[in-house]
Amino acid sequence: MSGLLEGKRVLVTGVLMESSIAFHTARLAQEQGAEVLLTGYGRLSLVERIARRLPQPAPVIELDVQNQQHLDSLADRVREHLGPDSTLDGIVHSIAFAPQDALGGGFLDTGWGSVATAVEVSAYSLKALAVACLPLVDEKRGAAIVGLDFDAQLAWPAYDWMGVAKAALESTSRYLARDLGGRNIRCNLVAAGPVRTTAAKSIPGFDLFREVWTTRAPIGWDLGDPEPSARGVVALLSDWFPKTTGEIVHVDGGVHAVGA
């Protein structure tokens, strides 16, 4: 029996540690038959070391989403690994960052510079990545873009301007779904519950999320298990959602659906 992503080529951004949702997305994608490429930013040697822990070692391409040269050359650099006539079937956006003064409870005191960085890296980059990958998409085959989200319907403790950036990410995804649908490209998000990753540890007050999910998730939630969220991403990359776009799939144990 063939896998969900048999014969597909998928670009996964944001792999930093083995605990990340992006890493487990890449692993599951390979197990489901995909050829995977990774992007990394900053500590490339670390990303390359983590990439060797996948079932099949994956090449790593440097990508700083604030660097226009990196974006403009991305398609050519992908083809260096896949071949001159290669295409992508899936693109995973797992990129987010906010300066420390944009998190932790100082919402009213955060300056525009920090807010602008959070929005550019965490939301605008979805559009930037999509545009950079357009030359790699075969419109007959189609493609799926899937981004990782954290539910932005509510104001969360300590999340502050990252919460605003996630709301911008959700809106950006809907507009991409509108504008890319004619090219046979779907764009969806997975709103994941909190996972104890390197990125999560940088959020002041992260333990507050643990308390919320421990008490409110109807079917339970394990902060140490990134696989449920990764499975959601892989499912949306597959052909099992051929007419789903502009959607936010919650993989959070059901917390988004219940009150206190």
C-alpha atoms as a PDB file:
ATOM      1  CA  MET A   1       0.000   0.000   0.000  1.00  0.00           C
ATOM      2  CA  SER A   2       1.457   3.358  -1.032  1.00  0.00           C
ATOM      3  CA  GLY A   3       1.817   6.226   1.421  1.00  0.00           C
ATOM      4  CA  LEU A   4      -0.254   9.396   1.539  1.00  0.00           C
ATOM      5  CA  LEU A   5       2.546  11.413  -0.069  1.00  0.00           C
ATOM      6  CA  GLU A   6       3.943   8.788  -2.424  1.00  0.00           C
ATOM      7  CA  GLY A   7       5.917  10.439  -5.236  1.00  0.00           C
ATOM      8  CA  LYS A   8       5.563  13.965  -3.837  1.00  0.00           C
ATOM      9  CA  ARG A   9       8.289  16.488  -3.134  1.00  0.00           C
ATOM     10  CA  VAL A  10       7.916  18.602  -0.023  1.00  0.00           C
ATOM     11  CA  LEU A  11       9.833  21.591   1.304  1.00  0.00           C
ATOM     12  CA  VAL A  12       9.743  21.866   5.100  1.00  0.00           C
ATOM     13  CA  THR A  13      10.870  25.051   6.842  1.00  0.00           C
ATOM     14  CA  GLY A  14      11.564  25.619  10.503  1.00  0.00           C
ATOM     15  CA  VAL A  15      13.291  22.398  11.545  1.00  0.00           C
ATOM     16  CA  LEU A  16      15.533  23.356  14.450  1.00  0.00           C
ATOM     17  CA  MET A  17      15.353  20.532  16.972  1.00  0.00           C
ATOM     18  CA  GLU A  18      14.153  16.934  16.965  1.00  0.00           C
ATOM     19  CA  SER A  19      11.316  17.992  19.266  1.00  0.00           C
ATOM     20  CA  SER A  20       9.847  20.417  16.718  1.00  0.00           C
ATOM     21  CA  ILE A  21       6.580  19.832  14.879  1.00  0.00           C
ATOM     22  CA  ALA A  22       8.462  20.597  11.659  1.00  0.00           C
ATOM     23  CA  PHE A  23      10.919  17.735  12.271  1.00  0.00           C
ATOM     24  CA  HIS A  24       8.122  15.250  12.854  1.00  0.00           C
ATOM     25  CA  THR A  25       6.308  16.569   9.779  1.00  0.00           C
ATOM     26  CA  ALA A  26       9.425  15.892   7.712  1.00  0.00           C
ATOM     27  CA  ARG A  27       9.788  12.420   9.251  1.00  0.00           C
ATOM     28  CA  LEU A  28       6.174  11.453   8.628  1.00  0.00           C
ATOM     29  CA  ALA A  29       6.282  12.886   5.112  1.00  0.00           C
ATOM     30  CA  GLN A  30       9.240  10.638   4.314  1.00  0.00           C
ATOM     31  CA  GLU A  31       7.521   7.650   5.872  1.00  0.00           C
ATOM     32  CA  GLN A  32       4.498   8.399   3.683  1.00  0.00           C
ATOM     33  CA  GLY A  33       6.602   8.373   0.515  1.00  0.00           C
ATOM     34  CA  ALA A  34       7.681  11.988   0.010  1.00  0.00           C
ATOM     35  CA  GLU A  35      11.083  13.323  -0.939  1.00  0.00           C
ATOM     36  CA  VAL A  36      11.848  16.058   1.593  1.00  0.00           C
ATOM     37  CA  LEU A  37      14.032  19.134   1.578  1.00  0.00           C
ATOM     38  CA  LEU A  38      14.565  21.345   4.607  1.00  0.00           C
ATOM     39  CA  THR A  39      15.366  25.003   5.054  1.00  0.00           C
ATOM     40  CA  GLY A  40      17.337  26.410   7.938  1.00  0.00           C
ATOM     41  CA  TYR A  41      18.256  29.795   9.309  1.00  0.00           C
ATOM     42  CA  GLY A  42      21.195  30.782  11.462  1.00  0.00           C
ATOM     43  CA  ARG A  43      22.734  27.620  12.877  1.00  0.00           C
ATOM     44  CA  LEU A  44      22.771  25.595   9.652  1.00  0.00           C
ATOM     45  CA  SER A  45      25.200  23.035  11.052  1.00  0.00           C
ATOM     46  CA  LEU A  46      22.651  22.258  13.771  1.00  0.00           C
ATOM     47  CA  VAL A  47      19.845  21.866  11.222  1.00  0.00           C
ATOM     48  CA  GLU A  48      22.055  19.618   9.086  1.00  0.00           C
ATOM     49  CA  ARG A  49      22.801  17.446  12.122  1.00  0.00           C
ATOM     50  CA  ILE A  50      19.099  17.161  12.921  1.00  0.00           C
ATOM     51  CA  ALA A  51      18.367  16.391   9.250  1.00  0.00           C
ATOM     52  CA  ARG A  52      20.587  13.315   9.496  1.00  0.00           C
ATOM     53  CA  ARG A  53      18.237  11.917  12.148  1.00  0.00           C
ATOM     54  CA  LEU A  54      15.392  11.616   9.661  1.00  0.00           C
ATOM     55  CA  PRO A  55      14.680   8.181   8.179  1.00  0.00           C
ATOM     56  CA  GLN A  56      16.477   9.470   5.062  1.00  0.00           C
ATOM     57  CA  PRO A  57      18.970  12.333   5.482  1.00  0.00           C
ATOM     58  CA  ALA A  58      17.537  15.451   3.808  1.00  0.00           C
ATOM     59  CA  PRO A  59      19.400  18.334   2.181  1.00  0.00           C
ATOM     60  CA  VAL A  60      19.239  21.700   3.946  1.00  0.00           C
ATOM     61  CA  ILE A  61      18.886  25.020   2.142  1.00  0.00           C
ATOM     62  CA  GLU A  62      19.624  28.299   3.892  1.00  0.00           C
ATOM     63  CA  LEU A  63      16.574  30.573   4.095  1.00  0.00           C
ATOM     64  CA  ASP A  64      16.183  33.801   6.007  1.00  0.00           C
ATOM     65  CA  VAL A  65      12.661  35.018   5.159  1.00  0.00           C
ATOM     66  CA  GLN A  66      13.776  38.597   5.812  1.00  0.00           C
ATOM     67  CA  ASN A  67      16.469  38.266   3.148  1.00  0.00           C
ATOM     68  CA  GLN A  68      15.061  39.000  -0.318  1.00  0.00           C
ATOM     69  CA  GLN A  69      18.071  37.457  -2.024  1.00  0.00           C
ATOM     70  CA  HIS A  70      17.413  34.179  -0.226  1.00  0.00           C
ATOM     71  CA  LEU A  71      13.781  34.286  -1.359  1.00  0.00           C
ATOM     72  CA  ASP A  72      14.592  35.248  -4.946  1.00  0.00           C
ATOM     73  CA  SER A  73      17.114  32.407  -5.291  1.00  0.00           C
ATOM     74  CA  LEU A  74      15.119  29.757  -3.432  1.00  0.00           C
ATOM     75  CA  ALA A  75      13.624  28.069  -6.506  1.00  0.00           C
ATOM     76  CA  ASP A  76      17.035  27.747  -8.176  1.00  0.00           C
ATOM     77  CA  ARG A  77      18.591  26.340  -5.021  1.00  0.00           C
ATOM     78  CA  VAL A  78      15.803  23.785  -4.642  1.00  0.00           C
ATOM     79  CA  ARG A  79      16.400  22.680  -8.236  1.00  0.00           C
ATOM     80  CA  GLU A  80      20.079  22.175  -7.473  1.00  0.00           C
ATOM     81  CA  HIS A  81      18.953  19.286  -5.267  1.00  0.00           C
ATOM     82  CA  LEU A  82      15.915  18.016  -7.158  1.00  0.00           C
ATOM     83  CA  GLY A  83      16.948  18.604 -10.780  1.00  0.00           C
ATOM     84  CA  PRO A  84      16.478  21.422 -13.322  1.00  0.00           C
ATOM     85  CA  ASP A  85      12.897  20.518 -14.255  1.00  0.00           C
ATOM     86  CA  SER A  86      11.758  19.575 -10.767  1.00  0.00           C
ATOM     87  CA  THR A  87       8.574  20.727  -9.072  1.00  0.00           C
ATOM     88  CA  LEU A  88       7.278  20.934  -5.506  1.00  0.00           C
ATOM     89  CA  ASP A  89       4.020  19.368  -4.369  1.00  0.00           C
ATOM     90  CA  GLY A  90       4.052  20.601  -0.795  1.00  0.00           C
ATOM     91  CA  ILE A  91       5.390  23.566   1.182  1.00  0.00           C
ATOM     92  CA  VAL A  92       5.366  23.644   4.986  1.00  0.00           C
ATOM     93  CA  HIS A  93       5.607  27.012   6.730  1.00  0.00           C
ATOM     94  CA  SER A  94       6.853  26.569  10.293  1.00  0.00           C
ATOM     95  CA  ILE A  95       8.421  29.967  10.872  1.00  0.00           C
ATOM     96  CA  ALA A  96       7.685  32.362  13.715  1.00  0.00           C
ATOM     97  CA  PHE A  97       9.618  34.834  15.823  1.00  0.00           C
ATOM     98  CA  ALA A  98       8.929  37.766  18.110  1.00  0.00           C
ATOM     99  CA  PRO A  99      11.489  39.824  20.032  1.00  0.00           C
ATOM    100  CA  GLN A 100      11.408  39.300  23.788  1.00  0.00           C
ATOM    101  CA  ASP A 101       9.785  42.664  24.458  1.00  0.00           C
ATOM    102  CA  ALA A 102       6.814  41.598  22.301  1.00  0.00           C
ATOM    103  CA  LEU A 103       6.034  38.704  24.665  1.00  0.00           C
ATOM    104  CA  GLY A 104       5.488  38.219  28.355  1.00  0.00           C
ATOM    105  CA  GLY A 105       2.853  40.723  29.393  1.00  0.00           C
ATOM    106  CA  GLY A 106       4.170  44.078  28.191  1.00  0.00           C
ATOM    107  CA  PHE A 107       1.674  44.382  25.343  1.00  0.00           C
ATOM    108  CA  LEU A 108       1.050  48.110  25.860  1.00  0.00           C
ATOM    109  CA  ASP A 109       4.746  48.959  25.999  1.00  0.00           C
ATOM    110  CA  THR A 110       5.991  47.140  22.890  1.00  0.00           C
ATOM    111  CA  GLY A 111       7.347  49.455  20.195  1.00  0.00           C
ATOM    112  CA  TRP A 112       6.559  49.216  16.501  1.00  0.00           C
ATOM    113  CA  GLY A 113       9.977  47.877  15.576  1.00  0.00           C
ATOM    114  CA  SER A 114       9.437  44.696  17.571  1.00  0.00           C
ATOM    115  CA  VAL A 115       5.838  44.381  16.392  1.00  0.00           C
ATOM    116  CA  ALA A 116       6.932  44.793  12.772  1.00  0.00           C
ATOM    117  CA  THR A 117       9.521  42.036  13.163  1.00  0.00           C
ATOM    118  CA  ALA A 118       6.972  39.666  14.690  1.00  0.00           C
ATOM    119  CA  VAL A 119       4.460  40.271  11.896  1.00  0.00           C
ATOM    120  CA  GLU A 120       7.028  40.101   9.088  1.00  0.00           C
ATOM    121  CA  VAL A 121       8.668  36.881  10.237  1.00  0.00           C
ATOM    122  CA  SER A 122       5.555  35.113  11.526  1.00  0.00           C
ATOM    123  CA  ALA A 123       2.851  36.186   9.034  1.00  0.00           C
ATOM    124  CA  TYR A 124       4.123  38.043   5.973  1.00  0.00           C
ATOM    125  CA  SER A 125       6.686  35.283   5.463  1.00  0.00           C
ATOM    126  CA  LEU A 126       3.864  32.908   4.504  1.00  0.00           C
ATOM    127  CA  LYS A 127       3.162  35.067   1.462  1.00  0.00           C
ATOM    128  CA  ALA A 128       6.876  35.574   0.794  1.00  0.00           C
ATOM    129  CA  LEU A 129       7.547  31.822   0.901  1.00  0.00           C
ATOM    130  CA  ALA A 130       4.553  31.056  -1.322  1.00  0.00           C
ATOM    131  CA  VAL A 131       5.678  33.560  -3.961  1.00  0.00           C
ATOM    132  CA  ALA A 132       9.263  32.292  -3.824  1.00  0.00           C
ATOM    133  CA  CYS A 133       8.034  28.754  -4.501  1.00  0.00           C
ATOM    134  CA  LEU A 134       5.629  29.606  -7.338  1.00  0.00           C
ATOM    135  CA  PRO A 135       8.208  28.805 -10.066  1.00  0.00           C
ATOM    136  CA  LEU A 136       8.408  25.287  -8.625  1.00  0.00           C
ATOM    137  CA  VAL A 137       4.686  24.513  -8.843  1.00  0.00           C
ATOM    138  CA  ASP A 138       3.193  22.566 -11.735  1.00  0.00           C
ATOM    139  CA  GLU A 139      -0.369  23.857 -11.950  1.00  0.00           C
ATOM    140  CA  LYS A 140      -1.587  20.582 -13.467  1.00  0.00           C
ATOM    141  CA  ARG A 141      -0.284  18.606 -10.509  1.00  0.00           C
ATOM    142  CA  GLY A 142      -1.218  21.296  -8.036  1.00  0.00           C
ATOM    143  CA  ALA A 143       0.398  21.912  -4.670  1.00  0.00           C
ATOM    144  CA  ALA A 144      -0.444  22.362  -1.002  1.00  0.00           C
ATOM    145  CA  ILE A 145       0.887  25.003   1.358  1.00  0.00           C
ATOM    146  CA  VAL A 146       0.407  24.227   5.045  1.00  0.00           C
ATOM    147  CA  GLY A 147       1.365  26.607   7.840  1.00  0.00           C
ATOM    148  CA  LEU A 148       1.617  26.028  11.576  1.00  0.00           C
ATOM    149  CA  ASP A 149      -0.620  28.255  13.657  1.00  0.00           C
ATOM    150  CA  PHE A 150      -1.639  28.824  17.265  1.00  0.00           C
ATOM    151  CA  ASP A 151      -5.320  29.632  17.671  1.00  0.00           C
ATOM    152  CA  ALA A 152      -5.695  33.421  17.361  1.00  0.00           C
ATOM    153  CA  GLN A 153      -9.401  33.638  18.184  1.00  0.00           C
ATOM    154  CA  LEU A 154      -8.622  34.605  21.784  1.00  0.00           C
ATOM    155  CA  ALA A 155      -6.130  36.729  23.703  1.00  0.00           C
ATOM    156  CA  TRP A 156      -3.760  34.375  25.536  1.00  0.00           C
ATOM    157  CA  PRO A 157      -1.672  35.118  28.640  1.00  0.00           C
ATOM    158  CA  ALA A 158       1.849  36.335  27.806  1.00  0.00           C
ATOM    159  CA  TYR A 159       1.470  35.638  24.051  1.00  0.00           C
ATOM    160  CA  ASP A 160       0.907  39.324  23.291  1.00  0.00           C
ATOM    161  CA  TRP A 161       2.108  40.463  19.841  1.00  0.00           C
ATOM    162  CA  MET A 162       2.809  36.924  18.706  1.00  0.00           C
ATOM    163  CA  GLY A 163      -0.918  36.372  19.094  1.00  0.00           C
ATOM    164  CA  VAL A 164      -1.519  39.384  16.850  1.00  0.00           C
ATOM    165  CA  ALA A 165       1.012  37.984  14.372  1.00  0.00           C
ATOM    166  CA  LYS A 166      -0.794  34.631  14.363  1.00  0.00           C
ATOM    167  CA  ALA A 167      -4.066  36.423  13.623  1.00  0.00           C
ATOM    168  CA  ALA A 168      -2.283  38.057  10.683  1.00  0.00           C
ATOM    169  CA  LEU A 169      -1.014  34.622   9.625  1.00  0.00           C
ATOM    170  CA  GLU A 170      -4.574  33.283   9.577  1.00  0.00           C
ATOM    171  CA  SER A 171      -5.775  36.186   7.452  1.00  0.00           C
ATOM    172  CA  THR A 172      -2.771  35.872   5.122  1.00  0.00           C
ATOM    173  CA  SER A 173      -3.585  32.209   4.573  1.00  0.00           C
ATOM    174  CA  ARG A 174      -7.145  33.048   3.550  1.00  0.00           C
ATOM    175  CA  TYR A 175      -5.969  35.632   1.028  1.00  0.00           C
ATOM    176  CA  LEU A 176      -3.397  33.215  -0.374  1.00  0.00           C
ATOM    177  CA  ALA A 177      -6.153  30.616  -0.727  1.00  0.00           C
ATOM    178  CA  ARG A 178      -8.127  33.195  -2.710  1.00  0.00           C
ATOM    179  CA  ASP A 179      -5.279  34.300  -4.971  1.00  0.00           C
ATOM    180  CA  LEU A 180      -3.558  30.932  -5.522  1.00  0.00           C
ATOM    181  CA  GLY A 181      -6.628  28.778  -6.038  1.00  0.00           C
ATOM    182  CA  GLY A 182      -6.597  29.560  -9.746  1.00  0.00           C
ATOM    183  CA  ARG A 183      -3.130  28.024  -9.913  1.00  0.00           C
ATOM    184  CA  ASN A 184      -4.373  24.819  -8.264  1.00  0.00           C
ATOM    185  CA  ILE A 185      -2.588  25.642  -4.999  1.00  0.00           C
ATOM    186  CA  ARG A 186      -4.313  25.047  -1.679  1.00  0.00           C
ATOM    187  CA  CYS A 187      -3.327  26.983   1.451  1.00  0.00           C
ATOM    188  CA  ASN A 188      -4.352  25.791   4.901  1.00  0.00           C
ATOM    189  CA  LEU A 189      -3.188  26.041   8.507  1.00  0.00           C
ATOM    190  CA  VAL A 190      -2.904  23.610  11.404  1.00  0.00           C
ATOM    191  CA  ALA A 191      -3.685  25.347  14.687  1.00  0.00           C
ATOM    192  CA  ALA A 192      -1.604  23.186  16.971  1.00  0.00           C
ATOM    193  CA  GLY A 193      -1.906  22.880  20.705  1.00  0.00           C
ATOM    194  CA  PRO A 194       1.187  23.827  22.722  1.00  0.00           C
ATOM    195  CA  VAL A 195       4.187  21.544  22.386  1.00  0.00           C
ATOM    196  CA  ARG A 196       7.275  21.760  24.557  1.00  0.00           C
ATOM    197  CA  THR A 197       9.730  22.803  21.842  1.00  0.00           C
ATOM    198  CA  THR A 198      12.738  25.126  21.739  1.00  0.00           C
ATOM    199  CA  ALA A 199      10.515  27.918  20.434  1.00  0.00           C
ATOM    200  CA  ALA A 200       7.944  27.366  23.166  1.00  0.00           C
ATOM    201  CA  LYS A 201      10.576  27.636  25.880  1.00  0.00           C
ATOM    202  CA  SER A 202      11.284  31.208  24.743  1.00  0.00           C
ATOM    203  CA  ILE A 203       7.691  32.261  25.506  1.00  0.00           C
ATOM    204  CA  PRO A 204       7.397  33.741  29.015  1.00  0.00           C
ATOM    205  CA  GLY A 205       4.538  32.130  30.877  1.00  0.00           C
ATOM    206  CA  PHE A 206       4.478  28.992  28.721  1.00  0.00           C
ATOM    207  CA  ASP A 207       3.461  26.973  31.794  1.00  0.00           C
ATOM    208  CA  LEU A 208       0.122  28.807  31.738  1.00  0.00           C
ATOM    209  CA  PHE A 209      -0.660  27.027  28.467  1.00  0.00           C
ATOM    210  CA  ARG A 210       0.139  23.709  30.105  1.00  0.00           C
ATOM    211  CA  GLU A 211      -2.436  24.422  32.787  1.00  0.00           C
ATOM    212  CA  VAL A 212      -5.102  25.378  30.236  1.00  0.00           C
ATOM    213  CA  TRP A 213      -4.601  22.270  28.101  1.00  0.00           C
ATOM    214  CA  THR A 214      -4.326  19.951  31.073  1.00  0.00           C
ATOM    215  CA  THR A 215      -7.719  21.024  32.391  1.00  0.00           C
ATOM    216  CA  ARG A 216      -9.679  21.832  29.218  1.00  0.00           C
ATOM    217  CA  ALA A 217      -8.747  19.408  26.432  1.00  0.00           C
ATOM    218  CA  PRO A 218     -11.751  17.048  26.055  1.00  0.00           C
ATOM    219  CA  ILE A 219      -9.661  14.235  24.606  1.00  0.00           C
ATOM    220  CA  GLY A 220      -6.502  15.132  26.477  1.00  0.00           C
ATOM    221  CA  TRP A 221      -3.264  16.691  25.300  1.00  0.00           C
ATOM    222  CA  ASP A 222       0.384  15.717  25.685  1.00  0.00           C
ATOM    223  CA  LEU A 223       2.719  18.727  25.529  1.00  0.00           C
ATOM    224  CA  GLY A 224       5.606  16.371  24.874  1.00  0.00           C
ATOM    225  CA  ASP A 225       4.125  14.809  21.731  1.00  0.00           C
ATOM    226  CA  PRO A 226       4.406  16.810  18.484  1.00  0.00           C
ATOM    227  CA  GLU A 227       3.215  13.947  16.274  1.00  0.00           C
ATOM    228  CA  PRO A 228      -0.554  14.679  16.300  1.00  0.00           C
ATOM    229  CA  SER A 229       0.080  18.156  14.892  1.00  0.00           C
ATOM    230  CA  ALA A 230       2.567  16.791  12.358  1.00  0.00           C
ATOM    231  CA  ARG A 231      -0.013  14.236  11.218  1.00  0.00           C
ATOM    232  CA  GLY A 232      -2.459  17.071  10.618  1.00  0.00           C
ATOM    233  CA  VAL A 233       0.093  18.823   8.402  1.00  0.00           C
ATOM    234  CA  VAL A 234       0.831  15.665   6.416  1.00  0.00           C
ATOM    235  CA  ALA A 235      -2.880  15.000   5.919  1.00  0.00           C
ATOM    236  CA  LEU A 236      -3.388  18.498   4.473  1.00  0.00           C
ATOM    237  CA  LEU A 237      -0.371  18.014   2.188  1.00  0.00           C
ATOM    238  CA  SER A 238      -1.975  14.875   0.787  1.00  0.00           C
ATOM    239  CA  ASP A 239      -4.543  14.425  -1.957  1.00  0.00           C
ATOM    240  CA  TRP A 240      -7.184  13.507   0.619  1.00  0.00           C
ATOM    241  CA  PHE A 241      -8.112  17.209   0.924  1.00  0.00           C
ATOM    242  CA  PRO A 242      -8.338  18.171  -2.771  1.00  0.00           C
ATOM    243  CA  LYS A 243     -10.962  20.890  -2.333  1.00  0.00           C
ATOM    244  CA  THR A 244     -10.029  22.241   1.086  1.00  0.00           C
ATOM    245  CA  THR A 245      -8.343  25.646   1.134  1.00  0.00           C
ATOM    246  CA  GLY A 246      -8.382  28.679   3.377  1.00  0.00           C
ATOM    247  CA  GLU A 247      -9.107  26.356   6.296  1.00  0.00           C
ATOM    248  CA  ILE A 248      -7.726  26.183   9.835  1.00  0.00           C
ATOM    249  CA  VAL A 249      -7.647  22.636  11.185  1.00  0.00           C
ATOM    250  CA  HIS A 250      -7.373  22.567  14.965  1.00  0.00           C
ATOM    251  CA  VAL A 251      -5.159  19.828  16.339  1.00  0.00           C
ATOM    252  CA  ASP A 252      -5.356  20.838  19.978  1.00  0.00           C
ATOM    253  CA  GLY A 253      -7.264  18.167  21.842  1.00  0.00           C
ATOM    254  CA  GLY A 254     -10.454  20.159  21.367  1.00  0.00           C
ATOM    255  CA  VAL A 255      -9.576  23.142  23.561  1.00  0.00           C
ATOM    256  CA  HIS A 256     -10.686  25.628  20.898  1.00  0.00           C
ATOM    257  CA  ALA A 257     -14.231  24.222  21.066  1.00  0.00           C
ATOM    258  CA  VAL A 258     -14.939  24.364  24.785  1.00  0.00           C
ATOM    259  CA  GLY A 259     -15.274  27.048  27.437  1.00  0.00           C
ATOM    260  CA  ALA A 260     -13.875  27.081  30.939  1.00  0.00           C
END
